[in-house]
């Protein structure tokens, strides 16, 4: 728009292979809005969608909304899986007026897809100035972080 804010972002990548793990590992490969690195440095953390892999197994469709005071919401959809080498397409849009975002995740290799509309009233995300793509580690249900597994090269 005229204020140069992102309203939607999309990205494509090839699902990498997790080659090694140390303890409990969970990797995410996502695109989205703003940033999710370090809540103190970047207090306006974002929302992301893509794939998540626990250990060295299959990856599944995934989204994560980063909320106020660390009250986040995330979801892993096990109805759509990704194997190493699968081509992935992710589209995320955001409606600033009502804190609703839509995600669309496609396994282009297998021809499967998932989409949803999510309202997140506790939103502390998306000032709209940055889009992101990243490979990172995921939070546990205890609000700590998994280790990051070693993975093959991934290009967004």
Protein backbone atom coordinates (compact mmCIF):
# COMPACT_ATOMS: atom_id res chain seq x y z
CA UNK A 1 0.00 0.00 0.00
CA UNK A 2 1.05 3.64 0.01
CA UNK A 3 2.73 3.24 3.42
CA UNK A 4 4.89 0.42 2.03
CA UNK A 5 3.54 -2.18 4.45
CA UNK A 6 3.41 -5.82 3.45
CA UNK A 7 -0.10 -7.29 3.21
CA UNK A 8 0.98 -10.70 1.97
CA UNK A 9 4.17 -12.65 1.44
CA UNK A 10 4.95 -15.90 -0.31
CA UNK A 11 7.97 -18.10 -0.74
CA UNK A 12 9.16 -21.33 -2.28
CA UNK A 13 11.83 -23.73 -1.08
CA UNK A 14 12.86 -27.37 -1.23
CA UNK A 15 12.34 -29.29 2.02
CA UNK A 16 15.84 -30.09 3.33
CA UNK A 17 17.05 -33.31 4.91
CA UNK A 18 17.74 -33.26 8.64
CA UNK A 19 21.15 -34.95 8.77
CA UNK A 20 21.87 -35.02 12.50
CA UNK A 21 20.23 -34.21 15.81
CA UNK A 22 21.45 -33.55 19.32
CA UNK A 23 18.87 -34.40 21.98
CA UNK A 24 15.35 -33.17 21.26
CA UNK A 25 15.33 -31.28 17.94
CA UNK A 26 12.64 -29.48 15.96
CA UNK A 27 13.38 -27.47 12.83
CA UNK A 28 11.06 -25.06 11.02
CA UNK A 29 11.40 -23.69 7.50
CA UNK A 30 8.99 -20.78 7.12
CA UNK A 31 8.07 -17.49 5.50
CA UNK A 32 6.05 -14.72 7.13
CA UNK A 33 5.92 -11.25 8.57
CA UNK A 34 8.39 -9.30 10.67
CA UNK A 35 10.86 -11.31 12.69
CA UNK A 36 10.84 -13.92 15.42
CA UNK A 37 14.41 -13.57 16.62
CA UNK A 38 14.87 -12.45 20.22
CA UNK A 39 11.81 -10.93 21.86
CA UNK A 40 13.88 -8.32 23.73
CA UNK A 41 15.57 -6.99 20.64
CA UNK A 42 12.50 -7.35 18.40
CA UNK A 43 9.43 -7.02 20.63
CA UNK A 44 7.03 -6.95 17.68
CA UNK A 45 7.56 -10.55 16.69
CA UNK A 46 5.69 -11.91 13.74
CA UNK A 47 3.72 -14.75 12.29
CA UNK A 48 5.13 -17.45 10.08
CA UNK A 49 3.96 -20.52 8.15
CA UNK A 50 5.77 -23.38 6.44
CA UNK A 51 7.02 -26.78 7.58
CA UNK A 52 8.14 -28.25 10.89
CA UNK A 53 10.15 -31.42 11.44
CA UNK A 54 10.69 -33.18 14.78
CA UNK A 55 13.99 -35.09 14.82
CA UNK A 56 14.87 -36.58 11.43
CA UNK A 57 11.33 -37.70 10.51
CA UNK A 58 8.80 -36.24 8.11
CA UNK A 59 7.93 -32.58 8.15
CA UNK A 60 4.36 -31.31 8.42
CA UNK A 61 2.52 -28.06 7.62
CA UNK A 62 3.01 -25.55 10.44
CA UNK A 63 2.19 -22.01 11.52
CA UNK A 64 3.19 -19.94 14.54
CA UNK A 65 1.76 -16.62 15.78
CA UNK A 66 3.89 -14.79 18.30
CA UNK A 67 1.71 -13.09 20.91
CA UNK A 68 1.93 -10.55 23.69
CA UNK A 69 3.88 -11.53 26.79
CA UNK A 70 5.02 -14.78 25.17
CA UNK A 71 1.45 -16.11 24.79
CA UNK A 72 1.91 -17.69 21.38
CA UNK A 73 -0.20 -20.04 19.32
CA UNK A 74 1.08 -22.63 16.88
CA UNK A 75 -0.33 -25.58 15.02
CA UNK A 76 1.13 -28.58 13.23
CA UNK A 77 -1.19 -30.06 10.60
CA UNK A 78 -0.30 -33.73 10.21
CA UNK A 79 -2.71 -34.15 7.27
CA UNK A 80 -0.06 -32.77 4.90
CA UNK A 81 3.49 -34.08 5.06
CA UNK A 82 6.76 -33.20 3.36
CA UNK A 83 9.70 -35.46 2.60
CA UNK A 84 13.23 -34.23 1.93
CA UNK A 85 13.42 -32.92 -1.63
CA UNK A 86 9.73 -31.96 -1.86
CA UNK A 87 9.03 -28.53 -3.35
CA UNK A 88 7.13 -26.30 -0.92
CA UNK A 89 5.10 -23.15 -1.63
CA UNK A 90 3.85 -20.95 1.24
CA UNK A 91 1.54 -17.93 1.05
CA UNK A 92 0.65 -15.82 4.09
CA UNK A 93 -1.67 -12.79 4.15
CA UNK A 94 -2.66 -10.47 6.97
CA UNK A 95 -5.69 -8.25 7.62
CA UNK A 96 -4.51 -5.49 9.93
CA UNK A 97 -8.03 -4.26 10.82
CA UNK A 98 -9.15 -7.47 12.52
CA UNK A 99 -5.95 -9.42 13.34
CA UNK A 100 -6.77 -12.21 10.92
CA UNK A 101 -4.19 -14.01 8.87
CA UNK A 102 -4.54 -16.65 6.20
CA UNK A 103 -1.96 -19.24 5.32
CA UNK A 104 -1.76 -21.54 2.33
CA UNK A 105 0.88 -24.29 2.28
CA UNK A 106 1.36 -26.53 -0.76
CA UNK A 107 3.45 -29.64 -1.28
CA UNK A 108 4.01 -29.04 -4.98
CA UNK A 109 5.73 -32.41 -5.41
CA UNK A 110 2.80 -34.45 -4.03
CA UNK A 111 0.02 -32.09 -5.10
CA UNK A 112 -1.38 -31.67 -1.57
CA UNK A 113 -2.31 -28.43 0.19
CA UNK A 114 -3.76 -26.91 3.33
CA UNK A 115 -5.09 -23.45 4.13
CA UNK A 116 -6.85 -21.78 7.01
CA UNK A 117 -7.92 -18.42 8.38
CA UNK A 118 -6.73 -17.71 11.93
CA UNK A 119 -7.86 -14.95 14.27
CA UNK A 120 -5.37 -14.25 17.02
CA UNK A 121 -6.72 -11.70 19.51
CA UNK A 122 -3.49 -11.70 21.55
CA UNK A 123 -1.55 -10.52 18.51
CA UNK A 124 1.78 -8.85 19.04
CA UNK A 125 2.84 -9.24 15.46
CA UNK A 126 3.10 -7.59 12.13
CA UNK A 127 3.91 -3.97 12.01
CA UNK A 128 4.12 -4.64 8.29
CA UNK A 129 7.59 -3.35 7.56
CA UNK A 130 9.41 -6.67 7.13
CA UNK A 131 8.84 -9.97 5.43
CA UNK A 132 10.99 -12.91 6.49
CA UNK A 133 12.11 -16.34 5.44
CA UNK A 134 14.05 -18.48 7.82
CA UNK A 135 15.21 -21.82 9.05
CA UNK A 136 15.01 -22.02 12.82
CA UNK A 137 14.25 -24.04 15.90
CA UNK A 138 10.78 -24.33 17.40
CA UNK A 139 9.36 -23.68 20.84
CA UNK A 140 8.26 -26.58 23.02
CA UNK A 141 4.91 -26.70 24.81
CA UNK A 142 6.80 -25.62 27.96
CA UNK A 143 7.76 -22.37 26.14
CA UNK A 144 11.43 -23.32 25.89
CA UNK A 145 13.26 -24.11 22.66
CA UNK A 146 14.12 -27.38 20.97
CA UNK A 147 17.64 -27.88 19.70
CA UNK A 148 18.23 -27.12 16.03
CA UNK A 149 18.98 -30.22 13.95
CA UNK A 150 21.71 -30.09 11.33
CA UNK A 151 20.14 -29.80 7.88
CA UNK A 152 21.15 -29.73 4.24
CA UNK A 153 21.24 -26.45 2.33
CA UNK A 154 17.86 -24.75 1.89
CA UNK A 155 17.25 -21.85 -0.47
CA UNK A 156 14.14 -19.69 -0.20
